[in-house]
PDB file of N, CA and C in Angstrom:
ATOM      1  N   MET A   1      49.749 199.051  11.557  1.00  0.00           N
ATOM      2  CA  MET A   1      50.803 198.208  11.306  1.00  0.00           C
ATOM      3  C   MET A   1      50.192 197.675   9.716  1.00  0.00           C
ATOM      4  N   PRO A   2      51.657 197.243   8.831  1.00  0.00           N
ATOM      5  CA  PRO A   2      51.186 197.188   7.455  1.00  0.00           C
ATOM      6  C   PRO A   2      50.638 195.767   7.374  1.00  0.00           C
ATOM      7  N   LYS A   3      49.594 195.720   6.726  1.00  0.00           N
ATOM      8  CA  LYS A   3      49.296 194.253   6.418  1.00  0.00           C
ATOM      9  C   LYS A   3      50.165 193.305   5.807  1.00  0.00           C
ATOM     10  N   SER A   4      50.399 192.114   6.265  1.00  0.00           N
ATOM     11  CA  SER A   4      51.750 191.356   5.915  1.00  0.00           C
ATOM     12  C   SER A   4      50.882 190.413   4.577  1.00  0.00           C
ATOM     13  N   LYS A   5      51.834 190.773   3.395  1.00  0.00           N
ATOM     14  CA  LYS A   5      51.563 189.997   2.558  1.00  0.00           C
ATOM     15  C   LYS A   5      52.158 188.688   2.149  1.00  0.00           C
ATOM     16  N   PRO A   6      52.044 187.987   1.574  1.00  0.00           N
ATOM     17  CA  PRO A   6      51.745 186.495   1.309  1.00  0.00           C
ATOM     18  C   PRO A   6      53.659 186.652   0.822  1.00  0.00           C
ATOM     19  N   PHE A   7      54.333 185.882   1.369  1.00  0.00           N
ATOM     20  CA  PHE A   7      55.551 185.434   0.657  1.00  0.00           C
ATOM     21  C   PHE A   7      55.829 184.996  -0.736  1.00  0.00           C
ATOM     22  N   ALA A   8      56.859 185.985  -1.327  1.00  0.00           N
ATOM     23  CA  ALA A   8      57.022 185.747  -2.717  1.00  0.00           C
ATOM     24  C   ALA A   8      58.285 185.484  -3.184  1.00  0.00           C
ATOM     25  N   LEU A   9      58.804 184.633  -3.956  1.00  0.00           N
ATOM     26  CA  LEU A   9      60.194 184.957  -4.117  1.00  0.00           C
ATOM     27  C   LEU A   9      60.714 186.474  -4.547  1.00  0.00           C
ATOM     28  N   HIS A  10      59.920 186.896  -5.472  1.00  0.00           N
ATOM     29  CA  HIS A  10      60.592 188.124  -6.312  1.00  0.00           C
ATOM     30  C   HIS A  10      60.532 188.723  -5.321  1.00  0.00           C
ATOM     31  N   ASP A  11      60.415 188.825  -4.210  1.00  0.00           N
ATOM     32  CA  ASP A  11      59.796 189.832  -3.052  1.00  0.00           C
ATOM     33  C   ASP A  11      61.762 190.007  -2.451  1.00  0.00           C
ATOM     34  N   SER A  12      62.545 188.891  -2.203  1.00  0.00           N
ATOM     35  CA  SER A  12      63.699 188.674  -1.967  1.00  0.00           C
ATOM     36  C   SER A  12      64.805 188.465  -2.512  1.00  0.00           C
ATOM     37  N   PRO A  13      65.738 189.487  -3.516  1.00  0.00           N
ATOM     38  CA  PRO A  13      66.513 188.730  -4.276  1.00  0.00           C
ATOM     39  C   PRO A  13      67.570 188.183  -4.291  1.00  0.00           C
ATOM     40  N   ARG A  14      67.850 188.239  -2.482  1.00  0.00           N
ATOM     41  CA  ARG A  14      68.894 186.795  -2.429  1.00  0.00           C
ATOM     42  C   ARG A  14      68.450 185.803  -2.080  1.00  0.00           C
ATOM     43  N   ILE A  15      67.288 184.876  -1.639  1.00  0.00           N
ATOM     44  CA  ILE A  15      67.051 183.938  -1.701  1.00  0.00           C
ATOM     45  C   ILE A  15      66.467 183.506  -3.117  1.00  0.00           C
ATOM     46  N   HIS A  16      65.960 184.025  -3.968  1.00  0.00           N
ATOM     47  CA  HIS A  16      65.903 184.299  -5.758  1.00  0.00           C
ATOM     48  C   HIS A  16      67.483 183.468  -6.163  1.00  0.00           C
ATOM     49  N   SER A  17      68.214 184.269  -5.780  1.00  0.00           N
ATOM     50  CA  SER A  17      69.766 184.272  -6.142  1.00  0.00           C
ATOM     51  C   SER A  17      70.305 182.536  -5.919  1.00  0.00           C
ATOM     52  N   ALA A  18      69.811 182.832  -4.546  1.00  0.00           N
ATOM     53  CA  ALA A  18      70.649 181.381  -4.085  1.00  0.00           C
ATOM     54  C   ALA A  18      69.867 180.093  -4.496  1.00  0.00           C
ATOM     55  N   ILE A  19      68.184 180.369  -4.729  1.00  0.00           N
ATOM     56  CA  ILE A  19      67.953 179.430  -5.686  1.00  0.00           C
ATOM     57  C   ILE A  19      67.866 179.054  -6.824  1.00  0.00           C
ATOM     58  N   VAL A  20      68.248 180.293  -7.592  1.00  0.00           N
ATOM     59  CA  VAL A  20      68.770 180.055  -9.011  1.00  0.00           C
ATOM     60  C   VAL A  20      70.165 179.390  -9.271  1.00  0.00           C
ATOM     61  N   ASN A  21      70.874 179.816  -8.367  1.00  0.00           N
ATOM     62  CA  ASN A  21      72.404 179.203  -8.248  1.00  0.00           C
ATOM     63  C   ASN A  21      72.486 177.893  -8.378  1.00  0.00           C
ATOM     64  N   HIS A  22      71.530 177.641  -7.267  1.00  0.00           N
ATOM     65  CA  HIS A  22      71.558 175.929  -7.065  1.00  0.00           C
ATOM     66  C   HIS A  22      70.825 174.729  -7.820  1.00  0.00           C
ATOM     67  N   VAL A  23      69.875 175.742  -8.167  1.00  0.00           N
ATOM     68  CA  VAL A  23      69.011 175.216  -9.535  1.00  0.00           C
ATOM     69  C   VAL A  23      70.092 175.237 -10.846  1.00  0.00           C
ATOM     70  N   PHE A  24      71.274 175.826 -11.157  1.00  0.00           N
ATOM     71  CA  PHE A  24      71.806 176.189 -12.262  1.00  0.00           C
ATOM     72  C   PHE A  24      73.247 174.994 -11.952  1.00  0.00           C
ATOM     73  N   THR A  25      73.510 175.233 -10.527  1.00  0.00           N
ATOM     74  CA  THR A  25      74.939 174.501 -10.169  1.00  0.00           C
ATOM     75  C   THR A  25      74.257 172.591 -10.156  1.00  0.00           C
ATOM     76  N   SER A  26      73.196 172.555  -9.750  1.00  0.00           N
ATOM     77  CA  SER A  26      72.811 170.837  -9.919  1.00  0.00           C
ATOM     78  C   SER A  26      72.767 170.745 -11.271  1.00  0.00           C
ATOM     79  N   ILE A  27      71.739 171.208 -12.448  1.00  0.00           N
ATOM     80  CA  ILE A  27      71.532 170.975 -13.196  1.00  0.00           C
ATOM     81  C   ILE A  27      73.207 171.171 -14.531  1.00  0.00           C
ATOM     82  N   SER A  28      73.856 171.638 -14.073  1.00  0.00           N
ATOM     83  CA  SER A  28      75.386 171.579 -15.084  1.00  0.00           C
ATOM     84  C   SER A  28      76.089 170.796 -14.646  1.00  0.00           C
ATOM     85  N   THR A  29      76.279 170.283 -12.996  1.00  0.00           N
ATOM     86  CA  THR A  29      76.761 168.809 -12.677  1.00  0.00           C
ATOM     87  C   THR A  29      76.259 167.765 -13.317  1.00  0.00           C
ATOM     88  N   GLY A  30      74.892 167.682 -12.934  1.00  0.00           N
ATOM     89  CA  GLY A  30      73.958 166.560 -13.640  1.00  0.00           C
ATOM     90  C   GLY A  30      74.466 166.508 -14.961  1.00  0.00           C
ATOM     91  N   ILE A  31      74.100 168.010 -15.844  1.00  0.00           N
ATOM     92  CA  ILE A  31      74.985 167.516 -17.241  1.00  0.00           C
ATOM     93  C   ILE A  31      76.567 167.280 -17.369  1.00  0.00           C
ATOM     94  N   LEU A  32      77.243 167.289 -17.043  1.00  0.00           N
ATOM     95  CA  LEU A  32      78.602 166.896 -17.040  1.00  0.00           C
ATOM     96  C   LEU A  32      78.337 165.674 -16.323  1.00  0.00           C
ATOM     97  N   GLU A  33      78.036 165.185 -15.492  1.00  0.00           N
ATOM     98  CA  GLU A  33      77.608 163.707 -15.069  1.00  0.00           C
ATOM     99  C   GLU A  33      77.567 163.001 -16.470  1.00  0.00           C
ATOM    100  N   ARG A  34      76.235 162.964 -16.873  1.00  0.00           N
ATOM    101  CA  ARG A  34      75.532 162.590 -17.996  1.00  0.00           C
ATOM    102  C   ARG A  34      76.507 162.882 -18.760  1.00  0.00           C
ATOM    103  N   SER A  35      77.446 163.953 -19.472  1.00  0.00           N
ATOM    104  CA  SER A  35      78.082 164.148 -20.729  1.00  0.00           C
ATOM    105  C   SER A  35      79.284 163.496 -20.302  1.00  0.00           C
ATOM    106  N   THR A  36      80.136 163.131 -19.248  1.00  0.00           N
ATOM    107  CA  THR A  36      81.214 162.382 -19.298  1.00  0.00           C
ATOM    108  C   THR A  36      80.976 160.819 -19.619  1.00  0.00           C
ATOM    109  N   ALA A  37      79.656 160.371 -19.211  1.00  0.00           N
ATOM    110  CA  ALA A  37      79.349 158.721 -19.458  1.00  0.00           C
ATOM    111  C   ALA A  37      79.053 158.702 -20.275  1.00  0.00           C
ATOM    112  N   THR A  38      78.347 159.698 -21.160  1.00  0.00           N
ATOM    113  CA  THR A  38      77.582 159.617 -22.875  1.00  0.00           C
ATOM    114  C   THR A  38      78.869 159.387 -24.057  1.00  0.00           C
ATOM    115  N   LEU A  39      80.147 160.625 -23.242  1.00  0.00           N
ATOM    116  CA  LEU A  39      80.982 160.738 -23.923  1.00  0.00           C
ATOM    117  C   LEU A  39      81.925 159.122 -24.355  1.00  0.00           C
ATOM    118  N   VAL A  40      82.130 159.039 -22.903  1.00  0.00           N
ATOM    119  CA  VAL A  40      83.668 158.030 -22.608  1.00  0.00           C
ATOM    120  C   VAL A  40      82.990 156.496 -23.297  1.00  0.00           C
ATOM    121  N   VAL A  41      81.670 155.967 -23.332  1.00  0.00           N
ATOM    122  CA  VAL A  41      81.502 155.166 -23.937  1.00  0.00           C
ATOM    123  C   VAL A  41      81.137 154.780 -25.403  1.00  0.00           C
ATOM    124  N   PRO A  42      80.468 155.876 -25.936  1.00  0.00           N
ATOM    125  CA  PRO A  42      80.776 155.725 -27.059  1.00  0.00           C
ATOM    126  C   PRO A  42      82.151 155.858 -27.806  1.00  0.00           C
ATOM    127  N   SER A  43      83.017 156.483 -27.252  1.00  0.00           N
ATOM    128  CA  SER A  43      84.289 156.715 -27.680  1.00  0.00           C
ATOM    129  C   SER A  43      85.482 154.940 -27.316  1.00  0.00           C
ATOM    130  N   VAL A  44      84.977 154.691 -26.180  1.00  0.00           N
ATOM    131  CA  VAL A  44      85.370 153.125 -25.848  1.00  0.00           C
ATOM    132  C   VAL A  44      84.722 152.044 -27.234  1.00  0.00           C
ATOM    133  N   ILE A  45      83.510 152.804 -27.722  1.00  0.00           N
ATOM    134  CA  ILE A  45      83.045 151.239 -28.536  1.00  0.00           C
ATOM    135  C   ILE A  45      83.632 151.941 -29.637  1.00  0.00           C
ATOM    136  N   GLY A  46      83.865 153.337 -30.115  1.00  0.00           N
ATOM    137  CA  GLY A  46      84.766 153.606 -30.840  1.00  0.00           C
ATOM    138  C   GLY A  46      85.964 153.372 -31.443  1.00  0.00           C
ATOM    139  N   VAL A  47      86.530 153.024 -30.577  1.00  0.00           N
ATOM    140  CA  VAL A  47      88.106 152.585 -30.345  1.00  0.00           C
ATOM    141  C   VAL A  47      88.086 151.216 -30.997  1.00  0.00           C
ATOM    142  N   VAL A  48      87.071 150.541 -29.975  1.00  0.00           N
ATOM    143  CA  VAL A  48      87.203 149.117 -30.454  1.00  0.00           C
ATOM    144  C   VAL A  48      86.777 148.683 -31.785  1.00  0.00           C
ATOM    145  N   VAL A  49      85.611 149.385 -32.417  1.00  0.00           N
ATOM    146  CA  VAL A  49      84.877 149.270 -33.753  1.00  0.00           C
ATOM    147  C   VAL A  49      86.386 149.615 -34.782  1.00  0.00           C
ATOM    148  N   ILE A  50      87.136 150.938 -34.624  1.00  0.00           N
ATOM    149  CA  ILE A  50      88.270 151.346 -35.860  1.00  0.00           C
ATOM    150  C   ILE A  50      89.424 149.999 -35.894  1.00  0.00           C
ATOM    151  N   ARG A  51      89.683 149.935 -34.007  1.00  0.00           N
ATOM    152  CA  ARG A  51      90.426 148.285 -34.299  1.00  0.00           C
ATOM    153  C   ARG A  51      89.962 147.416 -34.780  1.00  0.00           C
ATOM    154  N   LEU A  52      89.128 146.657 -34.840  1.00  0.00           N
ATOM    155  CA  LEU A  52      88.766 145.563 -36.020  1.00  0.00           C
ATOM    156  C   LEU A  52      88.305 146.295 -37.379  1.00  0.00           C
ATOM    157  N   VAL A  53      88.385 147.162 -37.719  1.00  0.00           N
ATOM    158  CA  VAL A  53      87.948 147.657 -39.016  1.00  0.00           C
ATOM    159  C   VAL A  53      89.586 147.244 -39.397  1.00  0.00           C
ATOM    160  N   PHE A  54      90.292 147.901 -38.975  1.00  0.00           N
ATOM    161  CA  PHE A  54      91.924 148.421 -39.086  1.00  0.00           C
ATOM    162  C   PHE A  54      92.648 146.856 -39.227  1.00  0.00           C
ATOM    163  N   GLN A  55      92.741 146.085 -38.339  1.00  0.00           N
ATOM    164  CA  GLN A  55      92.016 144.676 -38.680  1.00  0.00           C
ATOM    165  C   GLN A  55      91.595 143.984 -39.783  1.00  0.00           C
ATOM    166  N   ASN A  56      90.929 144.198 -39.495  1.00  0.00           N
ATOM    167  CA  ASN A  56      90.062 143.570 -41.164  1.00  0.00           C
ATOM    168  C   ASN A  56      90.926 144.150 -42.340  1.00  0.00           C
ATOM    169  N   LEU A  57      91.208 145.154 -42.360  1.00  0.00           N
ATOM    170  CA  LEU A  57      91.778 146.028 -43.742  1.00  0.00           C
ATOM    171  C   LEU A  57      93.250 145.366 -43.889  1.00  0.00           C
ATOM    172  N   ARG A  58      94.235 145.502 -42.414  1.00  0.00           N
ATOM    173  CA  ARG A  58      95.062 144.679 -42.906  1.00  0.00           C
ATOM    174  C   ARG A  58      95.331 143.154 -42.966  1.00  0.00           C
ATOM    175  N   ALA A  59      94.156 142.671 -42.563  1.00  0.00           N
ATOM    176  CA  ALA A  59      94.396 141.191 -42.870  1.00  0.00           C
ATOM    177  C   ALA A  59      93.814 140.721 -44.599  1.00  0.00           C
ATOM    178  N   SER A  60      92.660 141.488 -44.772  1.00  0.00           N
ATOM    179  CA  SER A  60      92.568 141.532 -46.149  1.00  0.00           C
ATOM    180  C   SER A  60      93.597 142.139 -47.411  1.00  0.00           C
ATOM    181  N   SER A  61      94.039 143.027 -47.000  1.00  0.00           N
ATOM    182  CA  SER A  61      95.521 143.648 -47.919  1.00  0.00           C
ATOM    183  C   SER A  61      96.475 142.131 -47.890  1.00  0.00           C
ATOM    184  N   ALA A  62      96.683 141.759 -46.516  1.00  0.00           N
ATOM    185  CA  ALA A  62      97.932 140.547 -46.435  1.00  0.00           C
ATOM    186  C   ALA A  62      97.126 139.324 -47.339  1.00  0.00           C
ATOM    187  N   GLY A  63      95.854 139.471 -47.704  1.00  0.00           N
ATOM    188  CA  GLY A  63      95.670 137.978 -48.585  1.00  0.00           C
ATOM    189  C   GLY A  63      95.332 136.540 -47.844  1.00  0.00           C
ATOM    190  N   HIS A  64      94.670 136.920 -46.589  1.00  0.00           N
ATOM    191  CA  HIS A  64      94.057 135.988 -45.187  1.00  0.00           C
ATOM    192  C   HIS A  64      93.157 135.682 -46.172  1.00  0.00           C
ATOM    193  N   PRO A  65      92.792 133.782 -46.366  1.00  0.00           N
ATOM    194  CA  PRO A  65      91.717 133.591 -47.173  1.00  0.00           C
ATOM    195  C   PRO A  65      90.523 133.734 -46.052  1.00  0.00           C
ATOM    196  N   GLU A  66      90.293 133.917 -44.264  1.00  0.00           N
ATOM    197  CA  GLU A  66      89.301 133.526 -43.506  1.00  0.00           C
ATOM    198  C   GLU A  66      88.757 134.830 -43.753  1.00  0.00           C
ATOM    199  N   THR A  67      89.667 135.924 -44.068  1.00  0.00           N
ATOM    200  CA  THR A  67      88.825 137.689 -44.077  1.00  0.00           C
ATOM    201  C   THR A  67      88.152 137.530 -45.480  1.00  0.00           C
ATOM    202  N   LEU A  68      88.836 137.041 -46.483  1.00  0.00           N
ATOM    203  CA  LEU A  68      87.990 137.716 -47.884  1.00  0.00           C
ATOM    204  C   LEU A  68      87.209 136.856 -47.787  1.00  0.00           C
ATOM    205  N   PRO A  69      85.732 137.646 -49.012  1.00  0.00           N
ATOM    206  CA  PRO A  69      85.082 136.876 -49.028  1.00  0.00           C
ATOM    207  C   PRO A  69      84.955 135.993 -50.414  1.00  0.00           C
TER     208      PRO A  69
END
């Protein structure tokens, strides 16, 4: 009988590829969820800031005294 050697991941490529696929998919979905959260929040903030800036520019160009320094 051959000596039984300890189980190693590189001995069975199918299990190794399954683990790599699982880790890759979990990392990619985590990056996707995080990136959507980090993309949506600054874009909303940017839209609000741009609106405020345009309102101030329009008001100052119209000559309203409350927005002029």
